[in-house]
Amino acid sequence: MKILILHAERLGDVAVSIPAIEALRRHYPQATLHVLTSTMGEKLLQTHPAIDWVSAVPWKTPTLRELWHLAQRIRTARYDLYICLSTTLWGQALGWAAGIPRRLGEKAYLVSRWLLTDSVPVRWDNMGHHRFMDSLAILGPLGISHDGSLPTITVDPTAVSAIRKRLSDLPPDRPLVTIFCDTSGSTLPIPDAILAKTIPDLIQTFGVNVALTSDTTRADSPLHQLKDPHVLDILDFLPLPDLIALLSLSNYYIGPDTGPTHLASLMGIPLVLFAGKKINPPTKWGPLSPFFVILREDYHCESFCTRGRCDAEQCVTWLTPRHLVDAFRTLWDQVKAAKPMPWQARLDAHWLATVRVLYVTTDLDEELRTRSLLKRLWNDGLRIFPMSFDLRHPLRSFRTLLRQAIRHNATVIHGPVLPFWAMTFLRWYYRFWLHYPPPKIYRGALAPEADLASLRLLF
């Protein structure tokens, strides 16, 4: 059997699809497995043991002429199975135009059921479904599931030798913390000024060495001013094989929600994730490492991260060096206790870092009844915000509700009385103006015995 996979996306997207590729290899151990991916994806996958051949295709949408020529080249290879892990329409059309007999992909378009022989109804906007699970769901018609293991990230021995040589300048016998200081614009980085104040505390408190790296040249960064013998400055461009080698030699990792962080997660490195952007929920992109801490307070910013509304300064106003040091201390204690998080505990941590509840009351009695309950749930880690909806002034109350939902990045709106017209308009506003999945709506009062376990099932 010959199988072709298409997944031409960013580094992080390709990385979290590796569990699906490995699951496919385990299911078809004798098959020939080829992958079409992006240029960065090719660098990541070209030495992976589960893949027989990998090639790069343009990430941008091809013209009809380019698509036809690519399809004709693929047709000559006579593949038996085509798996489109990309959500693009052209990706789904490629397998059809190449005449591959069986074609799997997401049921994302009206024409998907004609372009694909197996169109799988995967909801990429499902906040409770991690991105790697979305890729595995596409393999569902083949009877393939995940075995709970982390994937293989291949490490180049030559790159490891080169990185070891650079690390030899650091004092020996100290744990290495790698900090990734960039995102290439895909999300929010940890501000350099915060890192510059945090790193001396990490070195002094925990006795670590620190390697600073990024994927762009950063000549004006204040991090260059750190003249500490325990800091290795690699803030110039680091090729992907060298970056993976550095990660393989690291004991800990700190970084934003970006491709190298997903690689560190899949390699099982204990990490602190800064998930600053509202539209990147940890339930979709959270760490899979058995040891991690998520730094995320997405409920302060008045703006939203779509339609040009992202105000990066507002989104990180809350972040201080103390936040980073405390998060690292929690991670340090996790590792020292040598108790890795079970799989479900990792997903529960993603859930707590994502779910934001706006609890709407319409009378004073309900507000007073739930005050202590909401405080208890907050102390347990669930971010739940009360709001009073005055039915005597519905339009004014709705404007307040909309502002509160956006500010607190509400994923759930819950309450005993939620006007139908208000919820309908709110859903419309999110979908067609903000271009973002609307909050889930739950009508009903919070039960006095409500706890995280019961709300996890509800939300």
Protein backbone atom coordinates (compact mmCIF):
# COMPACT_ATOMS: atom_id res chain seq x y z
CA MET A 1 0.00 0.00 0.00
CA LYS A 2 1.17 3.53 -0.83
CA ILE A 3 -0.05 6.37 1.39
CA LEU A 4 0.27 10.12 0.82
CA ILE A 5 -0.24 12.64 3.64
CA LEU A 6 -0.64 16.38 3.05
CA HIS A 7 0.03 18.81 5.91
CA ALA A 8 1.64 22.04 4.67
CA GLU A 9 1.37 24.27 7.74
CA ARG A 10 3.45 26.07 10.37
CA LEU A 11 6.05 24.23 12.44
CA GLY A 12 3.74 23.82 15.43
CA ASP A 13 0.86 22.45 13.31
CA VAL A 14 3.15 19.90 11.68
CA ALA A 15 4.70 18.92 15.01
CA VAL A 16 1.37 18.10 16.67
CA SER A 17 0.40 15.94 13.66
CA ILE A 18 3.35 13.56 14.27
CA PRO A 19 1.27 11.36 16.66
CA ALA A 20 -1.19 10.79 13.80
CA ILE A 21 1.62 9.91 11.38
CA GLU A 22 3.14 7.45 13.85
CA ALA A 23 -0.28 5.91 14.57
CA LEU A 24 -0.74 5.43 10.82
CA ARG A 25 2.65 3.71 10.58
CA ARG A 26 1.79 1.35 13.44
CA HIS A 27 -1.49 0.48 11.71
CA TYR A 28 0.18 -0.10 8.32
CA PRO A 29 3.74 -1.24 9.17
CA GLN A 30 4.45 -2.48 5.62
CA ALA A 31 3.03 0.53 3.78
CA THR A 32 5.06 3.13 1.89
CA LEU A 33 4.39 6.44 3.62
CA HIS A 34 5.04 9.76 1.83
CA VAL A 35 4.39 13.27 3.21
CA LEU A 36 3.87 16.60 1.46
CA THR A 37 4.44 19.45 3.88
CA SER A 38 5.77 22.99 4.24
CA THR A 39 9.46 23.89 4.04
CA MET A 40 9.75 23.97 7.84
CA GLY A 41 7.76 20.75 8.10
CA GLU A 42 10.17 19.09 5.67
CA LYS A 43 13.12 19.99 7.90
CA LEU A 44 11.31 18.49 10.88
CA LEU A 45 10.12 15.27 9.23
CA GLN A 46 12.86 14.42 6.76
CA THR A 47 14.66 12.02 9.12
CA HIS A 48 11.61 10.66 10.95
CA PRO A 49 11.73 6.84 11.03
CA ALA A 50 8.00 6.44 10.30
CA ILE A 51 8.23 8.30 6.97
CA ASP A 52 9.75 6.93 3.78
CA TRP A 53 9.85 10.19 1.81
CA VAL A 54 9.00 13.82 2.50
CA SER A 55 8.85 16.82 0.18
CA ALA A 56 7.95 20.49 0.52
CA VAL A 57 5.10 22.17 -1.34
CA PRO A 58 4.21 25.89 -1.28
CA TRP A 59 2.31 26.87 1.85
CA LYS A 60 0.26 29.47 -0.02
CA THR A 61 -2.83 28.48 -1.98
CA PRO A 62 -1.67 27.34 -5.44
CA THR A 63 -3.22 28.55 -8.67
CA LEU A 64 -5.44 26.10 -10.56
CA ARG A 65 -2.60 25.52 -13.02
CA GLU A 66 -0.10 24.77 -10.22
CA LEU A 67 -2.62 22.49 -8.49
CA TRP A 68 -3.26 20.57 -11.72
CA HIS A 69 0.46 20.06 -12.44
CA LEU A 70 1.06 18.87 -8.87
CA ALA A 71 -1.91 16.50 -9.10
CA GLN A 72 -0.62 15.00 -12.34
CA ARG A 73 2.80 14.36 -10.76
CA ILE A 74 1.10 12.65 -7.85
CA ARG A 75 -1.13 10.61 -10.19
CA THR A 76 1.93 8.91 -11.70
CA ALA A 77 2.92 7.58 -8.24
CA ARG A 78 -0.35 5.59 -7.99
CA TYR A 79 -1.15 6.09 -4.31
CA ASP A 80 -3.82 3.93 -2.66
CA LEU A 81 -4.69 6.24 0.23
CA TYR A 82 -4.64 10.03 0.61
CA ILE A 83 -4.90 11.74 4.00
CA CYS A 84 -5.40 15.51 4.08
CA LEU A 85 -4.51 16.79 7.56
CA SER A 86 -4.73 20.36 6.29
CA THR A 87 -8.05 22.23 6.44
CA THR A 88 -7.56 23.90 3.06
CA LEU A 89 -9.94 23.35 0.16
CA TRP A 90 -7.06 22.98 -2.30
CA GLY A 91 -5.57 20.25 -0.10
CA GLN A 92 -8.77 18.25 -0.33
CA ALA A 93 -9.05 18.88 -4.07
CA LEU A 94 -5.49 17.66 -4.64
CA GLY A 95 -6.21 14.03 -3.77
CA TRP A 96 -9.35 14.04 -5.94
CA ALA A 97 -7.53 15.59 -8.92
CA ALA A 98 -4.72 13.02 -8.53
CA GLY A 99 -7.25 10.20 -8.78
CA ILE A 100 -6.29 8.51 -5.48
CA PRO A 101 -8.95 5.85 -4.75
CA ARG A 102 -9.48 6.54 -1.03
CA ARG A 103 -9.26 10.05 0.38
CA LEU A 104 -9.66 11.11 4.03
CA GLY A 105 -10.03 14.62 5.39
CA GLU A 106 -12.14 17.02 7.40
CA LYS A 107 -15.75 17.67 6.43
CA ALA A 108 -15.07 21.41 6.27
CA TYR A 109 -16.77 22.47 3.03
CA LEU A 110 -19.97 21.70 1.16
CA VAL A 111 -17.91 19.98 -1.53
CA SER A 112 -15.89 17.88 0.94
CA ARG A 113 -18.18 14.86 0.54
CA TRP A 114 -17.45 14.83 -3.20
CA LEU A 115 -13.72 15.57 -2.96
CA LEU A 116 -13.20 12.97 -0.22
CA THR A 117 -14.35 9.39 0.04
CA ASP A 118 -14.31 9.69 3.85
CA SER A 119 -15.14 13.21 5.06
CA VAL A 120 -14.81 13.28 8.84
CA PRO A 121 -16.86 15.85 10.82
CA VAL A 122 -13.99 17.26 12.87
CA ARG A 123 -14.76 20.54 14.64
CA TRP A 124 -11.49 22.49 14.65
CA ASP A 125 -13.31 25.16 16.70
CA ASN A 126 -14.09 22.63 19.46
CA MET A 127 -12.31 24.15 22.46
CA GLY A 128 -12.26 20.84 24.30
CA HIS A 129 -10.34 18.95 21.61
CA HIS A 130 -6.55 19.22 21.41
CA ARG A 131 -5.11 19.84 17.96
CA PHE A 132 -3.28 16.50 17.88
CA MET A 133 -6.62 14.78 18.62
CA ASP A 134 -8.16 16.59 15.65
CA SER A 135 -5.53 15.06 13.35
CA LEU A 136 -6.10 11.61 14.84
CA ALA A 137 -9.87 11.97 14.39
CA ILE A 138 -9.37 12.18 10.61
CA LEU A 139 -7.88 8.67 10.79
CA GLY A 140 -11.02 7.39 12.53
CA PRO A 141 -12.47 5.65 9.43
CA LEU A 142 -9.32 3.49 9.36
CA GLY A 143 -9.89 2.31 12.94
CA ILE A 144 -6.82 4.14 14.25
CA SER A 145 -6.62 5.62 17.76
CA HIS A 146 -3.93 7.17 19.99
CA ASP A 147 -2.02 4.98 22.45
CA GLY A 148 -1.16 7.88 24.80
CA SER A 149 2.58 7.95 24.05
CA LEU A 150 4.61 11.00 23.04
CA PRO A 151 5.93 10.95 19.46
CA THR A 152 9.49 10.63 18.21
CA ILE A 153 11.35 13.86 17.43
CA THR A 154 14.54 12.90 15.61
CA VAL A 155 17.75 14.53 16.79
CA ASP A 156 20.76 15.09 14.53
CA PRO A 157 23.96 13.80 16.29
CA THR A 158 26.11 16.30 14.39
CA ALA A 159 23.93 19.16 15.63
CA VAL A 160 24.11 17.79 19.18
CA SER A 161 27.92 17.86 19.02
CA ALA A 162 27.90 21.45 17.78
CA ILE A 163 25.50 22.57 20.52
CA ARG A 164 27.48 20.73 23.20
CA LYS A 165 30.52 22.71 22.12
CA ARG A 166 28.64 25.98 22.53
CA LEU A 167 27.27 24.90 25.92
CA SER A 168 30.78 24.08 27.15
CA ASP A 169 31.23 27.80 27.89
CA LEU A 170 28.70 27.50 30.73
CA PRO A 171 29.63 26.33 34.26
CA PRO A 172 29.32 22.52 34.48
CA ASP A 173 26.94 20.39 36.57
CA ARG A 174 24.02 22.81 36.54
CA PRO A 175 20.54 22.18 35.03
CA LEU A 176 20.01 23.90 31.69
CA VAL A 177 16.97 26.10 31.11
CA THR A 178 16.33 27.00 27.47
CA ILE A 179 14.23 30.13 26.93
CA PHE A 180 12.72 30.81 23.51
CA CYS A 181 12.29 34.55 23.10
CA ASP A 182 10.31 34.92 19.87
CA THR A 183 7.18 33.82 18.01
CA SER A 184 7.66 35.06 14.42
CA GLY A 185 4.41 37.00 14.90
CA SER A 186 2.16 33.94 15.32
CA THR A 187 1.37 34.78 18.96
CA LEU A 188 2.67 36.94 21.82
CA PRO A 189 6.25 36.48 23.06
CA ILE A 190 7.35 36.96 26.64
CA PRO A 191 8.56 40.59 26.68
CA ASP A 192 12.35 40.85 26.68
CA ALA A 193 12.25 43.36 29.55
CA ILE A 194 10.42 40.81 31.74
CA LEU A 195 12.89 38.05 30.83
CA ALA A 196 15.88 40.30 31.52
CA LYS A 197 14.65 40.80 35.10
CA THR A 198 13.60 37.16 35.57
CA ILE A 199 16.78 35.37 34.45
CA PRO A 200 19.06 36.59 37.30
CA ASP A 201 16.43 35.37 39.80
CA LEU A 202 16.27 31.95 38.14
CA ILE A 203 20.06 31.62 38.22
CA GLN A 204 20.35 32.70 41.85
CA THR A 205 17.32 30.83 43.24
CA PHE A 206 17.57 27.52 41.39
CA GLY A 207 21.26 27.30 40.44
CA VAL A 208 20.65 26.86 36.71
CA ASN A 209 22.32 27.77 33.45
CA VAL A 210 20.23 29.61 30.86
CA ALA A 211 20.38 29.37 27.06
CA LEU A 212 18.57 32.15 25.20
CA THR A 213 17.48 31.49 21.64
CA SER A 214 15.04 32.72 18.98
CA ASP A 215 14.37 32.25 15.28
CA THR A 216 15.24 35.80 14.21
CA THR A 217 18.22 38.09 14.72
CA ARG A 218 17.57 40.37 17.70
CA ALA A 219 20.33 42.99 17.72
CA ASP A 220 18.37 45.50 19.84
CA SER A 221 17.21 43.07 22.55
CA PRO A 222 17.99 44.07 26.16
CA LEU A 223 18.78 40.38 26.72
CA HIS A 224 22.12 41.02 25.02
CA GLN A 225 23.02 43.15 28.05
CA LEU A 226 22.99 40.13 30.37
CA LYS A 227 26.69 39.58 31.05
CA ASP A 228 26.30 36.61 33.35
CA PRO A 229 28.62 33.58 32.99
CA HIS A 230 25.57 31.34 33.48
CA VAL A 231 23.83 32.74 30.37
CA LEU A 232 24.49 31.56 26.82
CA ASP A 233 23.29 34.05 24.21
CA ILE A 234 22.13 32.29 21.03
CA LEU A 235 19.69 35.00 20.01
CA ASP A 236 20.73 34.83 16.38
CA PHE A 237 18.94 32.50 13.96
CA LEU A 238 19.28 28.87 15.05
CA PRO A 239 18.61 26.25 12.33
CA LEU A 240 15.90 23.73 13.21
CA PRO A 241 18.28 20.74 13.67
CA ASP A 242 20.39 22.83 16.09
CA LEU A 243 17.26 23.99 17.93
CA ILE A 244 16.07 20.39 18.38
CA ALA A 245 19.58 19.43 19.55
CA LEU A 246 19.50 22.26 22.11
CA LEU A 247 16.08 21.10 23.35
CA SER A 248 17.34 17.53 23.69
CA LEU A 249 20.11 18.77 26.00
CA SER A 250 17.80 20.96 28.09
CA ASN A 251 16.41 20.08 31.51
CA TYR A 252 13.74 22.78 31.44
CA TYR A 253 12.15 25.09 28.89
CA ILE A 254 10.33 28.44 29.03
CA GLY A 255 8.59 29.90 26.01
CA PRO A 256 5.46 31.30 24.37
CA ASP A 257 2.82 29.38 22.43
CA THR A 258 4.85 28.75 19.27
CA GLY A 259 6.45 25.95 17.23
CA PRO A 260 9.62 25.34 19.32
CA THR A 261 7.47 25.17 22.46
CA HIS A 262 5.34 22.43 20.88
CA LEU A 263 8.53 20.57 19.99
CA ALA A 264 9.75 20.82 23.60
CA SER A 265 6.36 19.57 24.76
CA LEU A 266 6.40 16.58 22.41
CA MET A 267 9.95 15.76 23.55
CA GLY A 268 8.67 15.54 27.13
CA ILE A 269 10.76 18.45 28.43
CA PRO A 270 9.39 20.09 31.62
CA LEU A 271 8.23 23.51 30.54
CA VAL A 272 6.54 26.78 31.41
CA LEU A 273 4.16 27.89 28.64
CA PHE A 274 3.22 31.54 28.29
CA ALA A 275 -0.15 31.44 26.49
CA GLY A 276 -0.88 35.13 26.25
CA LYS A 277 -3.13 35.40 23.22
CA LYS A 278 -6.87 34.98 23.67
CA ILE A 279 -7.41 33.05 20.44
CA ASN A 280 -4.83 30.33 21.26
CA PRO A 281 -6.58 28.27 23.97
CA PRO A 282 -4.49 25.65 25.81
CA THR A 283 -7.20 23.04 25.21
CA LYS A 284 -6.13 23.23 21.55
CA TRP A 285 -2.41 23.94 21.91
CA GLY A 286 -1.51 23.08 25.50
CA PRO A 287 1.66 21.16 26.46
CA LEU A 288 1.67 17.36 26.28
CA SER A 289 4.80 16.98 28.41
CA PRO A 290 4.22 15.14 31.72
CA PHE A 291 5.52 18.22 33.60
CA PHE A 292 4.31 21.71 32.73
CA VAL A 293 2.87 24.98 34.04
CA ILE A 294 0.67 27.29 31.96
CA LEU A 295 0.93 31.06 32.45
CA ARG A 296 -2.30 32.56 31.16
CA GLU A 297 -4.37 35.49 32.40
CA ASP A 298 -6.34 36.26 29.26
CA TYR A 299 -9.17 37.95 31.14
CA HIS A 300 -7.70 41.45 31.64
CA CYS A 301 -7.61 42.78 28.08
CA GLU A 302 -10.51 44.89 26.76
CA SER A 303 -9.66 44.04 23.14
CA PHE A 304 -9.90 40.87 21.10
CA CYS A 305 -7.24 39.16 19.00
CA THR A 306 -9.08 39.17 15.69
CA ARG A 307 -9.84 41.73 12.97
CA GLY A 308 -6.75 43.74 13.90
CA ARG A 309 -7.94 44.30 17.48
CA CYS A 310 -4.99 42.68 19.26
CA ASP A 311 -3.35 45.07 21.73
CA ALA A 312 -0.19 43.21 22.72
CA GLU A 313 0.71 45.69 25.46
CA GLN A 314 -2.67 45.21 27.16
CA CYS A 315 -2.42 41.43 26.90
CA VAL A 316 0.86 41.24 28.84
CA THR A 317 0.36 44.10 31.33
CA TRP A 318 -0.35 41.60 34.09
CA LEU A 319 2.87 39.60 33.52
CA THR A 320 5.74 40.31 35.94
CA PRO A 321 9.07 38.61 36.71
CA ARG A 322 7.45 37.24 39.87
CA HIS A 323 4.85 35.39 37.76
CA LEU A 324 7.61 33.67 35.79
CA VAL A 325 9.70 32.81 38.86
CA ASP A 326 6.65 31.41 40.71
CA ALA A 327 5.63 29.37 37.66
CA PHE A 328 9.14 27.96 37.35
CA ARG A 329 9.19 27.14 41.07
CA THR A 330 5.96 25.15 40.63
CA LEU A 331 7.51 23.31 37.68
CA TRP A 332 10.74 22.71 39.64
CA ASP A 333 8.74 21.17 42.51
CA GLN A 334 6.80 18.96 40.05
CA VAL A 335 10.02 17.53 38.65
CA LYS A 336 11.65 17.09 42.06
CA ALA A 337 8.57 15.18 43.27
CA ALA A 338 9.06 12.84 40.28
CA LYS A 339 5.31 12.45 39.78
CA PRO A 340 4.50 12.98 36.10
CA MET A 341 0.96 14.08 35.31
CA PRO A 342 -1.31 11.31 34.01
CA TRP A 343 -2.80 11.95 30.58
CA GLN A 344 -6.19 13.06 31.91
CA ALA A 345 -4.56 15.42 34.41
CA ARG A 346 -2.78 17.16 31.51
CA LEU A 347 -6.08 17.66 29.68
CA ASP A 348 -7.70 18.91 32.91
CA ALA A 349 -4.90 21.49 33.30
CA HIS A 350 -5.52 22.65 29.72
CA TRP A 351 -9.23 22.97 30.56
CA LEU A 352 -8.61 25.11 33.65
CA ALA A 353 -6.32 27.41 31.66
CA THR A 354 -8.93 27.83 28.91
CA VAL A 355 -12.45 27.87 30.36
CA ARG A 356 -13.65 31.32 31.38
CA VAL A 357 -17.22 31.47 32.69
CA LEU A 358 -19.43 34.55 32.73
CA TYR A 359 -22.16 33.78 35.27
CA VAL A 360 -25.17 36.02 34.61
CA THR A 361 -27.76 36.69 37.30
CA THR A 362 -30.96 38.72 37.02
CA ASP A 363 -31.89 39.22 40.67
CA LEU A 364 -30.13 40.07 43.89
CA ASP A 365 -31.10 36.84 45.67
CA GLU A 366 -29.34 34.68 43.08
CA GLU A 367 -26.29 36.94 43.16
CA LEU A 368 -26.02 36.66 46.95
CA ARG A 369 -26.67 32.90 46.88
CA THR A 370 -23.82 32.21 44.49
CA ARG A 371 -21.23 34.66 45.82
CA SER A 372 -19.46 32.19 48.13
CA LEU A 373 -19.84 29.38 45.55
CA LEU A 374 -18.13 31.46 42.85
CA LYS A 375 -15.32 32.34 45.27
CA ARG A 376 -14.78 28.65 46.08
CA LEU A 377 -14.66 27.72 42.39
CA TRP A 378 -12.19 30.55 41.73
CA ASN A 379 -9.92 29.31 44.53
CA ASP A 380 -10.09 25.83 42.94
CA GLY A 381 -8.71 27.31 39.71
CA LEU A 382 -11.83 27.99 37.61
CA ARG A 383 -11.98 31.55 36.35
CA ILE A 384 -15.66 32.51 36.77
CA PHE A 385 -16.91 36.10 36.66
CA PRO A 386 -20.29 37.31 37.99
CA MET A 387 -22.45 39.79 36.10
CA SER A 388 -25.90 41.24 36.75
CA PHE A 389 -28.29 41.51 33.79
CA ASP A 390 -30.99 44.13 34.42
CA LEU A 391 -34.12 43.00 32.55
CA ARG A 392 -35.56 46.51 32.91
CA HIS A 393 -32.76 47.89 30.73
CA PRO A 394 -32.03 45.03 28.34
CA LEU A 395 -30.05 46.90 25.67
CA ARG A 396 -27.74 48.56 28.17
CA SER A 397 -27.28 45.25 29.98
CA PHE A 398 -26.52 43.47 26.73
CA ARG A 399 -23.78 45.97 25.85
CA THR A 400 -22.26 45.34 29.26
CA LEU A 401 -22.53 41.57 28.76
CA LEU A 402 -20.80 41.79 25.39
CA ARG A 403 -17.96 43.88 26.81
CA GLN A 404 -17.55 41.51 29.75
CA ALA A 405 -17.58 38.44 27.48
CA ILE A 406 -14.83 39.93 25.31
CA ARG A 407 -12.75 41.24 28.22
CA HIS A 408 -12.82 37.97 30.17
CA ASN A 409 -12.50 35.87 27.00
CA ALA A 410 -15.63 33.97 28.07
CA THR A 411 -15.88 30.46 26.67
CA VAL A 412 -19.08 29.79 28.63
CA ILE A 413 -22.04 32.04 29.47
CA HIS A 414 -24.05 30.47 32.27
CA GLY A 415 -27.09 31.70 34.15
CA PRO A 416 -30.68 30.96 35.15
CA VAL A 417 -32.18 33.58 32.79
CA LEU A 418 -30.40 34.31 29.51
CA PRO A 419 -32.59 36.20 27.00
CA PHE A 420 -32.82 34.27 23.73
CA TRP A 421 -32.42 37.36 21.55
CA ALA A 422 -29.30 38.46 23.44
CA MET A 423 -27.60 35.06 23.13
CA THR A 424 -28.53 34.83 19.42
CA PHE A 425 -27.00 38.22 18.65
CA LEU A 426 -23.91 37.44 20.74
CA ARG A 427 -23.32 34.23 18.76
CA TRP A 428 -23.75 36.11 15.50
CA TYR A 429 -21.31 38.83 16.63
CA TYR A 430 -18.62 36.31 17.52
CA ARG A 431 -18.97 34.22 14.37
CA PHE A 432 -19.34 36.92 11.74
CA TRP A 433 -17.61 39.94 13.26
CA LEU A 434 -14.91 38.53 15.51
CA HIS A 435 -14.49 35.37 13.37
CA TYR A 436 -14.15 33.27 16.50
CA PRO A 437 -16.13 30.40 18.05
CA PRO A 438 -18.88 31.89 20.25
CA PRO A 439 -19.18 31.02 23.95
CA LYS A 440 -21.24 28.01 24.90
CA ILE A 441 -24.60 28.92 26.44
CA TYR A 442 -25.91 27.08 29.51
CA ARG A 443 -29.26 28.09 30.98
CA GLY A 444 -29.80 27.16 34.60
CA ALA A 445 -28.64 28.07 38.08
CA LEU A 446 -25.38 26.82 39.53
CA ALA A 447 -26.05 23.97 41.94
CA PRO A 448 -24.78 24.60 45.50
CA GLU A 449 -22.71 21.40 45.31
CA ALA A 450 -21.08 22.34 41.97
CA ASP A 451 -17.39 21.48 41.78
CA LEU A 452 -14.69 21.25 39.09
CA ALA A 453 -15.49 17.63 38.24
CA SER A 454 -19.19 18.29 37.59
CA LEU A 455 -18.53 21.49 35.66
CA ARG A 456 -15.85 19.72 33.59
CA LEU A 457 -18.55 17.34 32.37
CA LEU A 458 -20.96 20.21 31.74
CA PHE A 459 -18.57 22.52 29.91
